Amino acid sequence: MALQPAFETDSRVRFDAGEVTGAIGDSITVLPIVVALAVTTPVSLAHALLFFGVFQVVWGLRYGLPISVEPMKALAGLAIAGGLTYGEFLGAGLIAGVVLLAFAATGTLSRVKSWIGTPVIRGIQLAVALILLQTGVDLVLGAPGVAAGGFAVAAVVIAAGYRRASALVVLGVGVAIALWSAGLPSPSLPAFALFPDGAPAFTTGSVEGALAQLAMTVGNAAVATALLFDDLLDAEVSVDDLAGSMGGMCLVSIPLGGIPMCHGSGGLAGKYAFGARTGGANVVLGGLYLLAVLVAGGGLLAAFPMALLGVLLALIAVQLGDAARETDGLLLTVAVGVLGLLVNVGVAFVVGAVAYWSLDQKSDR
């Protein structure tokens, strides 16, 4: 039985210059975070890229739209900064996957958004940005001269009008240096096994991480993405369909060595800005990721300059922090962000959600 498109418009997958350049728009978000994860944690870059490639193609064909496939940023940021162990990172992703599938099955995701509130969602984004920035500064201080060169490269790219691409260009410089030092790895395919790099851990930390991620996922990866599809492409995509596809990605990829993945409005906006209008961009990008799998192993990551990784994290943090400004409750957003940095994001989420609910109840009286 053929899959039917999950939106009320003609499903199209075409290949032209716009779809090819549009593929770049999503990689701007994905590659810097995935490489940072692979450098700082046991995450296998080859396995991660494999599943990003597969699901880019799957959802491009399924939706017929330039849908984004991104890392779950809250979990990735916490893992990179050491706020979650690798096992907790995997466990939190599995918990989030189960919850998202439950949302999809019961059709409750849009109602959950109203309980959390935009100020809390933006506050969690701010907290993750601050945590990444702190980690980036620590790495930069290890080799300030190298970091200065990285910031100079980023400044040139930003001055040329390509601010969102600055992290990707710095990543390219770091990869070039690593290739110069270590050489090009021999092509190889990743081995398949159940949890090849370590077992998931289900702890208080993994539950707190899952809560923080779900706050971002509900707002940015589901509701905002659905609205953006309508605004940019006049396509109606159900938030519950998006929840189901995100939950499925997590539960399929994580046990086989992948990482927690979601959709995202930022990646969709990036693809659209670079010319993508159909799922063809996904097929192109998925194919490029699958080719990259062949050379993602070896000693390349070990040769990546850590100071440039610090620059990369700082740039990612700024991009995440920018989104926090789009709030209708700046004081609560800042409070949640600072609490997340000083305590942890799980506590920040719970405190923020209770505060938002209390303020909302008072305003209704």
Protein backbone atom coordinates (compact mmCIF):
# COMPACT_ATOMS: atom_id res chain seq x y z
CA MET A 1 0.00 0.00 0.00
CA ALA A 2 1.47 3.35 -1.03
CA LEU A 3 2.11 5.96 1.64
CA GLN A 4 -0.14 8.99 1.37
CA PRO A 5 1.17 12.55 1.84
CA ALA A 6 0.47 13.98 5.28
CA PHE A 7 -0.59 17.39 4.01
CA GLU A 8 -3.34 18.82 1.85
CA THR A 9 -1.48 19.67 -1.35
CA ASP A 10 0.14 17.78 -4.21
CA SER A 11 3.17 15.79 -3.07
CA ARG A 12 6.15 16.53 -5.33
CA VAL A 13 9.76 15.46 -5.34
CA ARG A 14 11.78 17.22 -7.99
CA PHE A 15 15.45 17.74 -8.64
CA ASP A 16 16.72 21.12 -9.85
CA ALA A 17 19.27 23.72 -8.81
CA GLY A 18 17.04 25.01 -6.01
CA GLU A 19 16.66 21.55 -4.48
CA VAL A 20 20.42 20.94 -4.62
CA THR A 21 21.34 24.27 -3.02
CA GLY A 22 18.43 23.93 -0.60
CA ALA A 23 19.95 20.75 0.80
CA ILE A 24 22.73 22.90 2.26
CA GLY A 25 20.22 24.74 4.44
CA ASP A 26 19.66 21.76 6.73
CA SER A 27 23.31 20.73 6.94
CA ILE A 28 24.09 24.16 8.44
CA THR A 29 22.17 23.04 11.53
CA VAL A 30 23.06 19.36 11.58
CA LEU A 31 26.76 18.90 10.83
CA PRO A 32 28.33 21.25 13.43
CA ILE A 33 26.32 19.68 16.27
CA VAL A 34 26.85 16.08 15.13
CA VAL A 35 30.61 16.55 14.74
CA ALA A 36 30.79 18.25 18.15
CA LEU A 37 28.95 15.27 19.66
CA ALA A 38 31.30 12.81 17.96
CA VAL A 39 34.39 14.69 19.19
CA THR A 40 33.25 15.05 22.81
CA THR A 41 31.25 11.83 23.43
CA PRO A 42 31.31 8.17 22.32
CA VAL A 43 28.81 8.99 19.52
CA SER A 44 29.86 7.30 16.27
CA LEU A 45 29.91 9.89 13.49
CA ALA A 46 29.47 7.18 10.86
CA HIS A 47 26.37 5.72 12.53
CA ALA A 48 24.89 9.17 13.14
CA LEU A 49 25.37 10.27 9.53
CA LEU A 50 23.96 6.98 8.28
CA PHE A 51 20.64 7.51 10.03
CA PHE A 52 20.51 11.19 9.10
CA GLY A 53 20.96 10.11 5.49
CA VAL A 54 18.31 7.41 5.68
CA PHE A 55 15.69 9.59 7.35
CA GLN A 56 16.34 12.58 5.10
CA VAL A 57 15.36 10.36 2.18
CA VAL A 58 12.49 8.63 4.01
CA TRP A 59 10.75 11.82 5.13
CA GLY A 60 11.50 13.67 1.90
CA LEU A 61 9.62 10.97 0.01
CA ARG A 62 6.96 10.56 2.72
CA TYR A 63 6.00 14.24 3.02
CA GLY A 64 7.09 15.47 -0.41
CA LEU A 65 8.36 18.62 1.32
CA PRO A 66 11.81 19.94 2.34
CA ILE A 67 11.31 18.76 5.91
CA SER A 68 14.23 19.10 8.31
CA VAL A 69 15.93 16.21 10.12
CA GLU A 70 18.06 17.55 12.97
CA PRO A 71 19.67 16.44 16.23
CA MET A 72 17.60 16.96 19.35
CA LYS A 73 19.45 20.11 20.37
CA ALA A 74 18.74 20.17 24.10
CA LEU A 75 20.01 16.61 24.54
CA ALA A 76 22.95 17.20 22.19
CA GLY A 77 23.94 20.37 24.03
CA LEU A 78 23.78 18.69 27.43
CA ALA A 79 25.81 15.70 26.21
CA ILE A 80 28.47 17.92 24.59
CA ALA A 81 28.79 19.97 27.79
CA GLY A 82 28.97 16.89 30.01
CA GLY A 83 25.59 17.51 31.63
CA LEU A 84 24.47 14.04 30.55
CA THR A 85 26.52 10.87 30.33
CA TYR A 86 26.42 9.03 27.02
CA GLY A 87 24.06 6.45 28.53
CA GLU A 88 21.76 9.17 29.85
CA PHE A 89 21.84 10.86 26.44
CA LEU A 90 20.61 7.65 24.80
CA GLY A 91 18.09 6.97 27.57
CA ALA A 92 16.64 10.47 27.34
CA GLY A 93 16.29 10.09 23.58
CA LEU A 94 14.41 6.81 23.97
CA ILE A 95 12.10 8.34 26.59
CA ALA A 96 11.41 11.29 24.29
CA GLY A 97 10.73 8.89 21.41
CA VAL A 98 8.14 6.93 23.39
CA VAL A 99 6.42 10.10 24.59
CA LEU A 100 6.29 11.55 21.07
CA LEU A 101 4.73 8.35 19.72
CA ALA A 102 2.17 8.53 22.53
CA PHE A 103 1.39 12.14 21.59
CA ALA A 104 0.93 11.07 17.98
CA ALA A 105 -1.36 8.18 18.90
CA THR A 106 -3.56 10.28 21.19
CA GLY A 107 -3.50 13.56 19.25
CA THR A 108 -2.51 15.57 22.32
CA LEU A 109 0.63 17.38 21.19
CA SER A 110 -1.02 20.69 20.31
CA ARG A 111 -2.70 20.77 23.75
CA VAL A 112 0.61 20.08 25.51
CA LYS A 113 2.07 23.19 23.84
CA SER A 114 -0.51 25.38 25.58
CA TRP A 115 0.44 23.94 28.98
CA ILE A 116 4.16 24.62 28.58
CA GLY A 117 4.07 28.12 27.11
CA THR A 118 6.41 29.87 24.70
CA PRO A 119 8.42 31.66 27.45
CA VAL A 120 9.38 28.29 28.96
CA ILE A 121 10.30 26.78 25.59
CA ARG A 122 12.48 29.78 24.77
CA GLY A 123 13.97 29.63 28.25
CA ILE A 124 15.10 26.04 27.71
CA GLN A 125 16.67 27.10 24.41
CA LEU A 126 18.47 29.91 26.23
CA ALA A 127 19.68 27.50 28.94
CA VAL A 128 21.14 25.11 26.35
CA ALA A 129 22.76 28.07 24.57
CA LEU A 130 24.38 29.28 27.79
CA ILE A 131 25.63 25.77 28.64
CA LEU A 132 27.15 25.38 25.17
CA LEU A 133 28.70 28.84 25.35
CA GLN A 134 30.32 28.02 28.70
CA THR A 135 31.78 24.81 27.26
CA GLY A 136 32.94 26.64 24.13
CA VAL A 137 34.76 29.31 26.16
CA ASP A 138 36.59 26.61 28.14
CA LEU A 139 37.81 25.00 24.91
CA VAL A 140 38.76 28.33 23.34
CA LEU A 141 40.97 29.21 26.32
CA GLY A 142 43.03 26.08 25.66
CA ALA A 143 44.46 27.55 22.44
CA PRO A 144 43.40 31.19 22.07
CA GLY A 145 45.51 31.78 18.97
CA VAL A 146 43.81 28.98 17.02
CA ALA A 147 40.43 30.14 18.32
CA ALA A 148 41.13 33.71 17.18
CA GLY A 149 41.68 32.41 13.66
CA GLY A 150 38.36 30.56 13.83
CA PHE A 151 36.49 33.63 15.03
CA ALA A 152 38.13 35.65 12.23
CA VAL A 153 36.85 33.17 9.65
CA ALA A 154 33.37 33.33 11.18
CA ALA A 155 33.46 37.15 11.18
CA VAL A 156 34.29 37.22 7.45
CA VAL A 157 31.41 34.85 6.67
CA ILE A 158 28.99 36.87 8.79
CA ALA A 159 30.16 40.15 7.21
CA ALA A 160 29.48 38.63 3.78
CA GLY A 161 25.85 38.13 4.83
CA TYR A 162 25.89 34.39 5.60
CA ARG A 163 25.54 34.42 9.36
CA ARG A 164 23.75 31.04 9.61
CA ALA A 165 26.50 29.39 7.55
CA SER A 166 29.32 30.64 9.80
CA ALA A 167 29.42 27.50 11.97
CA LEU A 168 29.45 25.26 8.90
CA VAL A 169 32.41 27.17 7.40
CA VAL A 170 34.37 26.96 10.67
CA LEU A 171 33.59 23.23 10.72
CA GLY A 172 35.00 22.97 7.20
CA VAL A 173 38.21 24.68 8.31
CA GLY A 174 38.54 22.28 11.24
CA VAL A 175 37.95 19.26 9.01
CA ALA A 176 40.56 20.55 6.55
CA ILE A 177 43.10 20.87 9.37
CA ALA A 178 42.23 17.37 10.62
CA LEU A 179 42.65 15.96 7.11
CA TRP A 180 46.03 17.69 6.80
CA SER A 181 47.12 16.16 10.12
CA ALA A 182 45.61 12.67 9.91
CA GLY A 183 45.05 12.11 6.20
CA LEU A 184 41.90 10.85 4.50
CA PRO A 185 40.50 7.74 6.24
CA SER A 186 40.11 4.57 4.20
CA PRO A 187 36.49 4.09 3.09
CA SER A 188 34.59 1.75 5.39
CA LEU A 189 31.06 0.97 6.54
CA PRO A 190 30.00 1.12 10.19
CA ALA A 191 29.41 -2.19 11.93
CA PHE A 192 25.90 -2.94 13.11
CA ALA A 193 25.12 -4.09 16.63
CA LEU A 194 22.62 -3.29 19.33
CA PHE A 195 23.81 -0.15 21.15
CA PRO A 196 27.32 -0.44 19.65
CA ASP A 197 28.86 2.40 21.68
CA GLY A 198 27.23 1.82 25.07
CA ALA A 199 23.89 0.99 26.68
CA PRO A 200 21.23 3.56 27.56
CA ALA A 201 20.87 4.65 31.18
CA PHE A 202 17.53 5.55 32.69
CA THR A 203 18.25 7.91 35.58
CA THR A 204 16.92 11.13 37.03
CA GLY A 205 19.27 12.94 34.64
CA SER A 206 17.88 11.17 31.59
CA VAL A 207 14.31 11.99 32.64
CA GLU A 208 15.23 15.65 33.22
CA GLY A 209 16.98 15.77 29.85
CA ALA A 210 13.95 14.23 28.13
CA LEU A 211 11.65 16.83 29.72
CA ALA A 212 13.86 19.68 28.57
CA GLN A 213 14.05 18.24 25.06
CA LEU A 214 10.30 17.65 24.83
CA ALA A 215 9.70 21.29 25.74
CA MET A 216 11.82 22.35 22.76
CA THR A 217 10.47 19.63 20.49
CA VAL A 218 6.83 20.48 21.09
CA GLY A 219 7.37 24.16 20.37
CA ASN A 220 10.12 24.28 17.75
CA ALA A 221 10.08 20.90 16.05
CA ALA A 222 6.34 20.30 15.83
CA VAL A 223 4.11 23.36 16.24
CA ALA A 224 6.50 25.91 14.71
CA THR A 225 7.41 23.55 11.85
CA ALA A 226 3.75 22.93 11.01
CA LEU A 227 3.08 26.68 11.00
CA LEU A 228 6.11 27.32 8.80
CA PHE A 229 4.97 24.72 6.25
CA ASP A 230 1.68 26.59 6.00
CA ASP A 231 3.35 30.02 5.77
CA LEU A 232 6.09 29.13 3.27
CA LEU A 233 4.61 26.34 1.16
CA ASP A 234 0.86 26.49 1.78
CA ALA A 235 1.04 22.88 2.99
CA GLU A 236 -0.97 21.59 5.92
CA VAL A 237 1.08 19.16 8.02
CA SER A 238 -0.35 17.66 11.19
CA VAL A 239 1.66 18.24 14.39
CA ASP A 240 0.73 14.71 15.43
CA ASP A 241 2.21 13.30 12.20
CA LEU A 242 5.39 15.20 12.98
CA ALA A 243 5.40 13.82 16.52
CA GLY A 244 5.03 10.29 15.17
CA SER A 245 7.87 10.60 12.68
CA MET A 246 10.17 12.11 15.34
CA GLY A 247 9.36 9.38 17.84
CA GLY A 248 9.92 6.72 15.19
CA MET A 249 13.33 8.14 14.26
CA CYS A 250 14.50 8.00 17.87
CA LEU A 251 13.31 4.48 18.54
CA VAL A 252 14.75 3.10 15.31
CA SER A 253 18.10 4.90 15.21
CA ILE A 254 19.25 5.02 18.85
CA PRO A 255 19.44 1.23 19.44
CA LEU A 256 21.53 0.86 16.25
CA GLY A 257 24.10 3.55 17.04
CA GLY A 258 22.31 6.70 15.89
CA ILE A 259 21.39 9.73 18.00
CA PRO A 260 18.09 11.36 19.08
CA MET A 261 16.64 13.19 16.07
CA CYS A 262 13.74 15.50 15.41
CA HIS A 263 12.35 17.90 12.83
CA GLY A 264 12.88 21.63 13.23
CA SER A 265 11.63 24.96 11.96
CA GLY A 266 15.19 26.30 11.66
CA GLY A 267 16.28 23.57 9.26
CA LEU A 268 13.10 23.99 7.20
CA ALA A 269 13.65 27.76 7.01
CA GLY A 270 17.26 27.14 5.97
CA LYS A 271 16.29 24.74 3.20
CA TYR A 272 13.64 27.14 1.92
CA ALA A 273 16.03 30.11 2.01
CA PHE A 274 18.55 28.17 -0.08
CA GLY A 275 15.90 27.30 -2.71
CA ALA A 276 14.30 23.99 -1.66
CA ARG A 277 10.59 23.59 -2.33
CA THR A 278 10.08 19.80 -2.39
CA GLY A 279 11.36 16.59 -0.87
CA GLY A 280 13.98 16.45 -3.58
CA ALA A 281 16.31 18.47 -1.33
CA ASN A 282 16.00 15.71 1.27
CA VAL A 283 16.93 13.02 -1.23
CA VAL A 284 20.00 15.03 -2.34
CA LEU A 285 21.15 15.72 1.23
CA GLY A 286 20.45 12.16 2.32
CA GLY A 287 22.63 10.86 -0.49
CA LEU A 288 25.47 13.20 0.53
CA TYR A 289 25.24 12.06 4.15
CA LEU A 290 25.38 8.42 3.06
CA LEU A 291 28.50 9.11 1.00
CA ALA A 292 30.08 10.87 3.99
CA VAL A 293 29.52 7.72 6.08
CA LEU A 294 32.27 6.00 4.08
CA VAL A 295 34.98 8.38 5.35
CA ALA A 296 33.56 9.27 8.77
CA GLY A 297 35.66 6.76 10.70
CA GLY A 298 39.38 6.56 11.36
CA GLY A 299 41.44 9.12 13.25
CA LEU A 300 39.91 12.20 11.64
CA LEU A 301 37.93 13.30 14.70
CA ALA A 302 40.90 12.91 17.03
CA ALA A 303 42.81 15.41 14.88
CA PHE A 304 40.04 18.04 14.97
CA PRO A 305 41.37 21.19 16.75
CA MET A 306 39.59 21.51 20.10
CA ALA A 307 39.89 25.31 20.10
CA LEU A 308 37.99 25.41 16.79
CA LEU A 309 35.41 23.11 18.37
CA GLY A 310 35.06 25.80 21.04
CA VAL A 311 34.45 28.43 18.35
CA LEU A 312 31.90 26.08 16.77
CA LEU A 313 30.03 25.68 20.07
CA ALA A 314 30.05 29.44 20.64
CA LEU A 315 28.51 30.05 17.20
CA ILE A 316 25.87 27.36 17.76
CA ALA A 317 25.11 28.89 21.17
CA VAL A 318 24.55 32.33 19.63
CA GLN A 319 22.19 30.87 17.03
CA LEU A 320 20.20 29.04 19.72
CA GLY A 321 20.19 32.12 21.93
CA ASP A 322 18.76 34.22 19.10
CA ALA A 323 15.61 32.10 19.14
CA ALA A 324 15.10 32.89 22.83
CA ARG A 325 14.34 36.51 21.93
CA GLU A 326 11.10 35.42 20.22
CA THR A 327 9.17 35.26 23.47
CA ASP A 328 6.15 36.95 24.93
CA GLY A 329 7.53 36.68 28.47
CA LEU A 330 11.14 37.85 28.49
CA LEU A 331 11.56 37.81 32.28
CA LEU A 332 10.39 34.20 32.61
CA THR A 333 12.49 33.15 29.61
CA VAL A 334 15.65 34.66 31.11
CA ALA A 335 14.87 33.18 34.54
CA VAL A 336 14.44 29.68 33.07
CA GLY A 337 17.62 30.07 31.03
CA VAL A 338 19.75 31.18 33.98
CA LEU A 339 18.27 28.51 36.26
CA GLY A 340 19.06 25.89 33.64
CA LEU A 341 22.66 27.03 33.52
CA LEU A 342 23.16 27.28 37.29
CA VAL A 343 21.17 24.18 38.37
CA ASN A 344 20.01 21.96 35.49
CA VAL A 345 17.55 22.15 32.62
CA GLY A 346 15.15 19.62 34.12
CA VAL A 347 14.61 21.71 37.23
CA ALA A 348 14.40 24.84 35.07
CA PHE A 349 11.69 23.25 32.95
CA VAL A 350 9.55 22.19 35.91
CA VAL A 351 9.91 25.53 37.73
CA GLY A 352 9.25 27.44 34.52
CA ALA A 353 6.18 25.40 33.59
CA VAL A 354 4.68 25.85 37.08
CA ALA A 355 5.43 29.59 37.00
CA TYR A 356 3.88 29.93 33.54
CA TRP A 357 0.76 28.04 34.60
CA SER A 358 0.42 30.18 37.75
CA LEU A 359 0.79 33.42 35.83
CA ASP A 360 -1.66 32.21 33.19
CA GLN A 361 -4.23 31.36 35.85
CA LYS A 362 -3.89 34.81 37.42
CA SER A 363 -4.37 36.53 34.08
CA ASP A 364 -7.59 34.59 33.49
CA ARG A 365 -9.17 35.84 36.72
